[in-house]
Amino acid sequence: MKKYLLPVVYCLLSTAFVACVPANKLKDEQTKRENCEKELANYKASSQTLETQLNELKDKMADADKQLAGLKKDTSILGNSYRNLTSKYDKLNELNEKLLDKYNKLLSGSNSESEKLSGQLSSTQEQLQRKQDDLKQMQIELDKRKTDLDALKTNLDMLNTELKKREDRVKELENILKQKDDAVNALKKKVSDALTGFEGKGLTITQKNGKVYVSLEESLLFQSGKWAVEPKGVEVLKKLAKVLESNPDINVLVEGHTDDVPMKGLGDVKDNWDLSSVRATSVVKIITQNSSTDPKRLTAAGRGEFFPLDDSKTKEARAKNRRTEIILTPKLDELFKVLESN
């Protein structure tokens, strides 16, 4: 406040001095006074501004004091926290050193175990490598076998196809044979029906090997040592001829058989073989003369005494061996075609 009073005192002194000076100086003094008054007014305004600023600074100082007190309090709390953390850190550090010491002891004590484990690991890796090599080799073998298996499968498929074809052919053959068997059965029945009254009286009819055998004893056809067919025999052959005529798919083989008693020659017929042949021819001629049977279907053969039914040297056995067999065979043209196609 003292620095604001000085200008005021100065102005008052100046005024007193003006009263004692001349007029020109008075004017100067008045001018100075006016300036002093203006300056005083400015000082007053500045003083008010400064007072306002001072009050504001005081308020700020009070706020700063409060903040300082809060900071001191926070600093105290942080200090306590720091000391607690430092204590915990020291404990953790001590624990860490103990653990590190134990780890070093364990590490030093496990070197031998580590070497053992390392050896086992190396051995295991070698075994694994061998297994992998074996596996690769097995894979190569498997691929090779797969290739062989594919080739085998292809061959098997081809064989199965061929087998299927053969099965179809076999079925076809079986069907043809069945038809032939059915035809033979029917033929036997027809022959039996045609020759009713003669069976068991020097004539037998049998079926075997897909053929019909009509066997006629010598007494039914010929006199001893002769080859001319007796009337009773001609009657039998005529009935048989009609059956053959109505079954054009049947081939006819006429076989003459004699016993083993040597024959004395009579002209061109010198022995049993000649006699069996000429008798078979006589039968064939009667069949062709009494039916429209194609002669190409007929065959005459002499067997002599070489195919006996009974090897005994008795009278009964020799009578049984003297016979004429008419063998009826179904034509197998269809069967031969199937076989040729195979």
Protein backbone atom coordinates (compact mmCIF):
# COMPACT_ATOMS: atom_id res chain seq x y z
CA MET A 1 0.00 0.00 0.00
CA LYS A 2 2.94 2.36 0.59
CA LYS A 3 3.82 2.41 -3.08
CA TYR A 4 0.30 3.67 -3.90
CA LEU A 5 0.58 6.65 -1.37
CA LEU A 6 3.78 8.04 -2.80
CA PRO A 7 2.20 9.50 -5.98
CA VAL A 8 -0.51 11.13 -3.90
CA VAL A 9 2.01 12.89 -1.62
CA TYR A 10 3.94 13.96 -4.61
CA CYS A 11 0.93 15.61 -6.17
CA LEU A 12 0.06 17.50 -2.99
CA LEU A 13 3.58 18.87 -2.67
CA SER A 14 3.44 19.90 -6.25
CA THR A 15 0.26 21.84 -5.63
CA ALA A 16 1.74 23.72 -2.68
CA PHE A 17 4.71 24.55 -4.72
CA VAL A 18 2.55 25.89 -7.51
CA ALA A 19 1.19 28.58 -5.23
CA CYS A 20 4.62 29.99 -4.72
CA VAL A 21 5.74 29.92 -8.38
CA PRO A 22 4.91 32.16 -11.28
CA ALA A 23 1.94 31.65 -13.59
CA ASN A 24 3.85 29.85 -16.32
CA LYS A 25 5.19 27.46 -13.87
CA LEU A 26 1.70 27.10 -12.49
CA LYS A 27 0.48 25.97 -15.80
CA ASP A 28 3.24 23.41 -15.99
CA GLU A 29 2.45 22.30 -12.55
CA GLN A 30 -1.22 21.96 -13.42
CA THR A 31 -0.28 19.87 -16.38
CA LYS A 32 1.88 17.71 -14.21
CA ARG A 33 -0.93 17.55 -11.68
CA GLU A 34 -3.35 16.36 -14.31
CA ASN A 35 -0.87 13.79 -15.39
CA CYS A 36 -0.40 12.77 -11.81
CA GLU A 37 -4.12 12.44 -11.38
CA LYS A 38 -4.39 10.32 -14.50
CA GLU A 39 -1.51 8.21 -13.35
CA LEU A 40 -3.18 7.93 -9.94
CA ALA A 41 -6.38 6.78 -11.57
CA ASN A 42 -4.42 4.22 -13.54
CA TYR A 43 -2.70 3.08 -10.40
CA LYS A 44 -6.06 2.71 -8.67
CA ALA A 45 -7.37 0.62 -11.53
CA SER A 46 -4.21 -1.47 -11.52
CA SER A 47 -4.51 -1.83 -7.77
CA GLN A 48 -8.04 -3.16 -8.07
CA THR A 49 -6.93 -5.58 -10.76
CA LEU A 50 -4.04 -6.73 -8.64
CA GLU A 51 -6.29 -7.18 -5.63
CA THR A 52 -8.63 -9.32 -7.72
CA GLN A 53 -5.69 -11.37 -8.96
CA LEU A 54 -4.40 -11.61 -5.39
CA ASN A 55 -7.73 -13.04 -4.22
CA GLU A 56 -7.73 -15.49 -7.06
CA LEU A 57 -4.18 -16.53 -6.16
CA LYS A 58 -5.23 -17.00 -2.56
CA ASP A 59 -8.09 -19.28 -3.69
CA LYS A 60 -5.73 -21.20 -5.88
CA MET A 61 -3.26 -21.39 -2.99
CA ALA A 62 -6.01 -22.83 -0.78
CA ASP A 63 -6.86 -25.41 -3.46
CA ALA A 64 -3.17 -26.19 -3.85
CA ASP A 65 -2.87 -26.68 -0.09
CA LYS A 66 -5.81 -29.11 -0.20
CA GLN A 67 -4.26 -30.97 -3.12
CA LEU A 68 -0.93 -31.04 -1.33
CA ALA A 69 -2.60 -32.51 1.74
CA GLY A 70 -4.29 -35.14 -0.48
CA LEU A 71 -0.99 -35.90 -2.20
CA LYS A 72 0.74 -36.29 1.13
CA LYS A 73 -2.00 -38.70 2.20
CA ASP A 74 -1.75 -40.61 -1.11
CA THR A 75 2.01 -40.63 -0.78
CA SER A 76 1.69 -42.18 2.65
CA ILE A 77 -0.65 -44.86 1.31
CA LEU A 78 1.61 -45.52 -1.65
CA GLY A 79 4.55 -45.71 0.70
CA ASN A 80 2.83 -48.35 2.77
CA SER A 81 1.88 -50.26 -0.39
CA TYR A 82 5.45 -49.96 -1.63
CA ARG A 83 6.82 -51.30 1.61
CA ASN A 84 4.32 -54.21 1.51
CA LEU A 85 5.24 -55.00 -2.08
CA THR A 86 8.93 -54.76 -1.23
CA SER A 87 8.44 -57.22 1.61
CA LYS A 88 6.52 -59.61 -0.66
CA TYR A 89 9.17 -59.24 -3.35
CA ASP A 90 11.89 -60.09 -0.87
CA LYS A 91 9.98 -63.20 0.19
CA LEU A 92 9.36 -64.24 -3.42
CA ASN A 93 12.99 -63.63 -4.26
CA GLU A 94 14.03 -65.80 -1.33
CA LEU A 95 11.62 -68.53 -2.44
CA ASN A 96 12.90 -68.29 -5.99
CA GLU A 97 16.49 -68.73 -4.81
CA LYS A 98 15.47 -71.83 -2.83
CA LEU A 99 13.62 -73.28 -5.84
CA LEU A 100 16.55 -72.51 -8.11
CA ASP A 101 18.86 -74.27 -5.67
CA LYS A 102 16.61 -77.34 -5.62
CA TYR A 103 16.37 -77.28 -9.42
CA ASN A 104 20.15 -77.20 -9.76
CA LYS A 105 20.44 -80.12 -7.36
CA LEU A 106 17.80 -82.06 -9.29
CA LEU A 107 19.45 -81.18 -12.57
CA SER A 108 22.86 -82.36 -11.38
CA GLY A 109 21.32 -85.57 -10.01
CA SER A 110 19.36 -86.37 -13.21
CA ASN A 111 22.24 -86.20 -15.70
CA SER A 112 22.74 -89.97 -15.62
CA GLU A 113 19.00 -90.52 -15.95
CA SER A 114 18.93 -88.06 -18.86
CA GLU A 115 21.75 -89.93 -20.56
CA LYS A 116 19.84 -93.19 -20.05
CA LEU A 117 16.67 -91.66 -21.44
CA SER A 118 18.66 -90.20 -24.33
CA GLY A 119 20.02 -93.67 -25.12
CA GLN A 120 16.55 -95.18 -24.97
CA LEU A 121 15.23 -92.39 -27.19
CA SER A 122 17.99 -93.01 -29.73
CA SER A 123 17.26 -96.76 -29.69
CA THR A 124 13.54 -96.10 -30.06
CA GLN A 125 14.19 -93.78 -33.00
CA GLU A 126 16.32 -96.45 -34.67
CA GLN A 127 13.60 -99.03 -34.12
CA LEU A 128 11.02 -96.60 -35.46
CA GLN A 129 13.14 -95.99 -38.55
CA ARG A 130 13.44 -99.75 -39.12
CA LYS A 131 9.68 -100.08 -38.70
CA GLN A 132 9.16 -97.29 -41.21
CA ASP A 133 11.52 -98.99 -43.65
CA ASP A 134 9.71 -102.28 -43.12
CA LEU A 135 6.39 -100.50 -43.62
CA LYS A 136 7.59 -98.97 -46.89
CA GLN A 137 8.77 -102.39 -48.06
CA MET A 138 5.44 -103.90 -47.06
CA GLN A 139 3.66 -101.13 -48.95
CA ILE A 140 5.74 -101.94 -52.04
CA GLU A 141 4.91 -105.62 -51.65
CA LEU A 142 1.25 -104.73 -51.08
CA ASP A 143 1.16 -102.60 -54.23
CA LYS A 144 2.79 -105.44 -56.16
CA ARG A 145 0.34 -107.95 -54.77
CA LYS A 146 -2.52 -105.59 -55.55
CA THR A 147 -1.31 -105.43 -59.14
CA ASP A 148 -1.04 -109.22 -59.22
CA LEU A 149 -4.47 -109.44 -57.59
CA ASP A 150 -5.95 -107.13 -60.21
CA ALA A 151 -4.44 -109.28 -62.95
CA LEU A 152 -5.68 -112.40 -61.20
CA LYS A 153 -9.14 -110.85 -60.88
CA THR A 154 -9.12 -110.04 -64.58
CA ASN A 155 -8.13 -113.61 -65.38
CA LEU A 156 -10.73 -114.88 -62.93
CA ASP A 157 -13.40 -112.75 -64.60
CA MET A 158 -12.35 -114.16 -67.96
CA LEU A 159 -12.44 -117.68 -66.54
CA ASN A 160 -15.84 -117.04 -65.00
CA THR A 161 -17.09 -115.78 -68.35
CA GLU A 162 -15.66 -118.83 -70.08
CA LEU A 163 -17.08 -121.06 -67.34
CA LYS A 164 -20.48 -119.46 -67.81
CA LYS A 165 -20.27 -120.19 -71.51
CA ARG A 166 -19.28 -123.78 -70.77
CA GLU A 167 -22.08 -124.11 -68.25
CA ASP A 168 -24.50 -122.87 -70.87
CA ARG A 169 -23.10 -125.42 -73.32
CA VAL A 170 -23.31 -128.17 -70.71
CA LYS A 171 -26.90 -127.23 -70.04
CA GLU A 172 -27.52 -127.31 -73.76
CA LEU A 173 -25.87 -130.72 -73.97
CA GLU A 174 -27.82 -131.95 -70.98
CA ASN A 175 -31.00 -130.70 -72.58
CA ILE A 176 -30.16 -132.51 -75.82
CA LEU A 177 -29.24 -135.68 -73.93
CA LYS A 178 -32.46 -135.44 -71.96
CA GLN A 179 -34.35 -135.11 -75.20
CA LYS A 180 -32.47 -138.16 -76.51
CA ASP A 181 -33.24 -140.07 -73.31
CA ASP A 182 -36.86 -139.12 -73.61
CA ALA A 183 -36.77 -140.23 -77.24
CA VAL A 184 -35.10 -143.53 -76.27
CA ASN A 185 -37.72 -144.13 -73.58
CA ALA A 186 -40.46 -143.44 -76.07
CA LEU A 187 -38.75 -145.67 -78.64
CA LYS A 188 -38.45 -148.54 -76.19
CA LYS A 189 -42.13 -148.24 -75.41
CA LYS A 190 -43.01 -148.22 -79.09
CA VAL A 191 -40.83 -151.28 -79.75
CA SER A 192 -42.30 -153.08 -76.74
CA ASP A 193 -45.82 -152.22 -77.88
CA ALA A 194 -45.07 -153.39 -81.44
CA LEU A 195 -43.50 -156.66 -80.30
CA THR A 196 -46.05 -157.53 -77.65
CA GLY A 197 -46.39 -161.30 -77.44
CA PHE A 198 -42.76 -161.99 -78.39
CA GLU A 199 -40.97 -160.71 -75.29
CA GLY A 200 -39.89 -163.58 -73.10
CA LYS A 201 -40.24 -165.96 -76.00
CA GLY A 202 -36.78 -165.68 -77.46
CA LEU A 203 -36.86 -161.86 -77.53
CA THR A 204 -35.78 -159.33 -74.92
CA ILE A 205 -35.83 -155.53 -75.00
CA THR A 206 -33.45 -153.56 -72.76
CA GLN A 207 -32.33 -149.95 -72.48
CA LYS A 208 -28.79 -148.93 -71.52
CA ASN A 209 -26.26 -146.24 -72.37
CA GLY A 210 -28.92 -144.25 -74.22
CA LYS A 211 -29.70 -147.09 -76.57
CA VAL A 212 -32.42 -149.70 -77.02
CA TYR A 213 -31.23 -153.31 -77.40
CA VAL A 214 -33.55 -155.82 -79.10
CA SER A 215 -31.98 -159.25 -78.60
CA LEU A 216 -33.35 -162.23 -80.59
CA GLU A 217 -32.28 -165.79 -79.85
CA GLU A 218 -31.15 -168.02 -82.68
CA SER A 219 -34.25 -170.24 -82.28
CA LEU A 220 -36.51 -167.29 -83.12
CA LEU A 221 -34.75 -166.41 -86.38
CA PHE A 222 -32.56 -169.23 -87.77
CA GLN A 223 -32.06 -172.95 -87.94
CA SER A 224 -28.71 -174.21 -86.65
CA GLY A 225 -25.91 -173.27 -89.05
CA LYS A 226 -28.35 -171.47 -91.43
CA TRP A 227 -28.80 -167.78 -92.26
CA ALA A 228 -32.23 -167.76 -93.88
CA VAL A 229 -34.75 -166.11 -91.51
CA GLU A 230 -37.61 -168.34 -90.38
CA PRO A 231 -41.22 -167.14 -90.95
CA LYS A 232 -41.74 -166.42 -87.25
CA GLY A 233 -38.63 -164.30 -87.28
CA VAL A 234 -39.78 -162.49 -90.42
CA GLU A 235 -43.01 -161.56 -88.62
CA VAL A 236 -41.04 -160.04 -85.74
CA LEU A 237 -38.74 -158.11 -88.05
CA LYS A 238 -41.63 -156.70 -90.10
CA LYS A 239 -43.24 -155.23 -86.96
CA LEU A 240 -39.92 -153.81 -85.88
CA ALA A 241 -39.38 -152.36 -89.35
CA LYS A 242 -42.59 -150.33 -89.08
CA VAL A 243 -41.38 -148.82 -85.83
CA LEU A 244 -38.05 -147.87 -87.44
CA GLU A 245 -39.86 -146.45 -90.44
CA SER A 246 -41.83 -144.02 -88.23
CA ASN A 247 -38.70 -142.93 -86.28
CA PRO A 248 -36.24 -141.59 -88.88
CA ASP A 249 -33.90 -140.15 -86.18
CA ILE A 250 -32.86 -143.66 -85.09
CA ASN A 251 -29.74 -145.43 -86.41
CA VAL A 252 -29.85 -149.25 -86.51
CA LEU A 253 -26.94 -151.61 -85.91
CA VAL A 254 -27.57 -155.33 -86.46
CA GLU A 255 -24.97 -157.58 -84.82
CA GLY A 256 -24.76 -161.35 -85.40
CA HIS A 257 -23.29 -163.52 -82.61
CA THR A 258 -22.43 -167.28 -82.56
CA ASP A 259 -21.18 -169.71 -79.94
CA ASP A 260 -17.59 -170.99 -79.79
CA VAL A 261 -18.25 -174.31 -81.56
CA PRO A 262 -16.29 -174.25 -84.85
CA MET A 263 -18.43 -174.30 -87.97
CA LYS A 264 -17.72 -176.51 -90.98
CA GLY A 265 -17.53 -174.46 -94.13
CA LEU A 266 -20.46 -174.41 -96.51
CA GLY A 267 -19.47 -172.56 -99.68
CA ASP A 268 -18.67 -168.92 -98.95
CA VAL A 269 -19.57 -169.26 -95.25
CA LYS A 270 -16.48 -170.89 -93.84
CA ASP A 271 -16.63 -170.12 -90.06
CA ASN A 272 -18.62 -168.54 -87.25
CA TRP A 273 -17.52 -165.06 -88.20
CA ASP A 274 -18.86 -165.46 -91.71
CA LEU A 275 -22.06 -166.98 -90.32
CA SER A 276 -22.62 -164.05 -87.88
CA SER A 277 -22.06 -161.54 -90.65
CA VAL A 278 -24.38 -163.13 -93.19
CA ARG A 279 -27.10 -163.56 -90.57
CA ALA A 280 -26.89 -159.83 -89.69
CA THR A 281 -27.13 -159.01 -93.40
CA SER A 282 -30.24 -161.21 -93.76
CA VAL A 283 -31.96 -159.29 -90.95
CA VAL A 284 -31.07 -155.93 -92.52
CA LYS A 285 -32.51 -156.99 -95.87
CA ILE A 286 -35.83 -158.08 -94.35
CA ILE A 287 -36.15 -154.66 -92.60
CA THR A 288 -35.41 -152.69 -95.78
CA GLN A 289 -37.68 -154.93 -97.89
CA ASN A 290 -40.65 -154.50 -95.57
CA SER A 291 -40.45 -150.75 -94.81
CA SER A 292 -39.32 -147.45 -96.26
CA THR A 293 -36.47 -147.27 -93.73
CA ASP A 294 -33.47 -145.55 -95.32
CA PRO A 295 -30.73 -148.20 -95.81
CA LYS A 296 -28.18 -145.56 -94.83
CA ARG A 297 -29.46 -145.86 -91.28
CA LEU A 298 -28.74 -149.58 -91.15
CA THR A 299 -25.44 -151.34 -90.42
CA ALA A 300 -24.83 -155.12 -90.47
CA ALA A 301 -21.94 -156.47 -88.42
CA GLY A 302 -20.69 -159.97 -87.61
CA ARG A 303 -19.20 -160.49 -84.12
CA GLY A 304 -18.62 -164.26 -84.34
CA GLU A 305 -18.04 -165.94 -81.01
CA PHE A 306 -15.98 -163.09 -79.55
CA PHE A 307 -18.68 -161.29 -77.50
CA PRO A 308 -20.39 -164.04 -75.50
CA LEU A 309 -22.99 -163.32 -72.85
CA ASP A 310 -21.88 -166.38 -70.88
CA ASP A 311 -18.34 -167.80 -70.98
CA SER A 312 -19.46 -171.19 -69.67
CA LYS A 313 -19.02 -174.19 -71.96
CA THR A 314 -22.46 -175.57 -71.21
CA LYS A 315 -25.22 -176.22 -73.71
CA GLU A 316 -27.38 -173.50 -72.11
CA ALA A 317 -24.57 -170.93 -72.20
CA ARG A 318 -23.83 -171.61 -75.87
CA ALA A 319 -27.55 -171.31 -76.73
CA LYS A 320 -27.62 -167.92 -74.97
CA ASN A 321 -24.58 -166.71 -76.91
CA ARG A 322 -26.14 -167.60 -80.31
CA ARG A 323 -28.18 -164.43 -80.86
CA THR A 324 -28.85 -161.42 -83.07
CA GLU A 325 -28.86 -158.00 -81.44
CA ILE A 326 -30.56 -155.01 -83.06
CA ILE A 327 -29.19 -151.88 -81.42
CA LEU A 328 -31.28 -148.71 -81.86
CA THR A 329 -29.32 -145.47 -81.32
CA PRO A 330 -30.76 -141.93 -81.53
CA LYS A 331 -28.88 -139.72 -83.95
CA LEU A 332 -26.54 -137.39 -82.10
CA ASP A 333 -26.13 -134.80 -84.85
CA GLU A 334 -27.29 -131.94 -82.61
CA LEU A 335 -24.97 -133.09 -79.84
CA PHE A 336 -22.04 -133.31 -82.23
CA LYS A 337 -22.78 -129.76 -83.46
CA VAL A 338 -22.62 -128.46 -79.90
CA LEU A 339 -19.39 -130.36 -79.26
CA GLU A 340 -17.85 -129.04 -82.46
CA SER A 341 -18.81 -125.50 -81.51
CA ASN A 342 -16.81 -125.96 -78.29
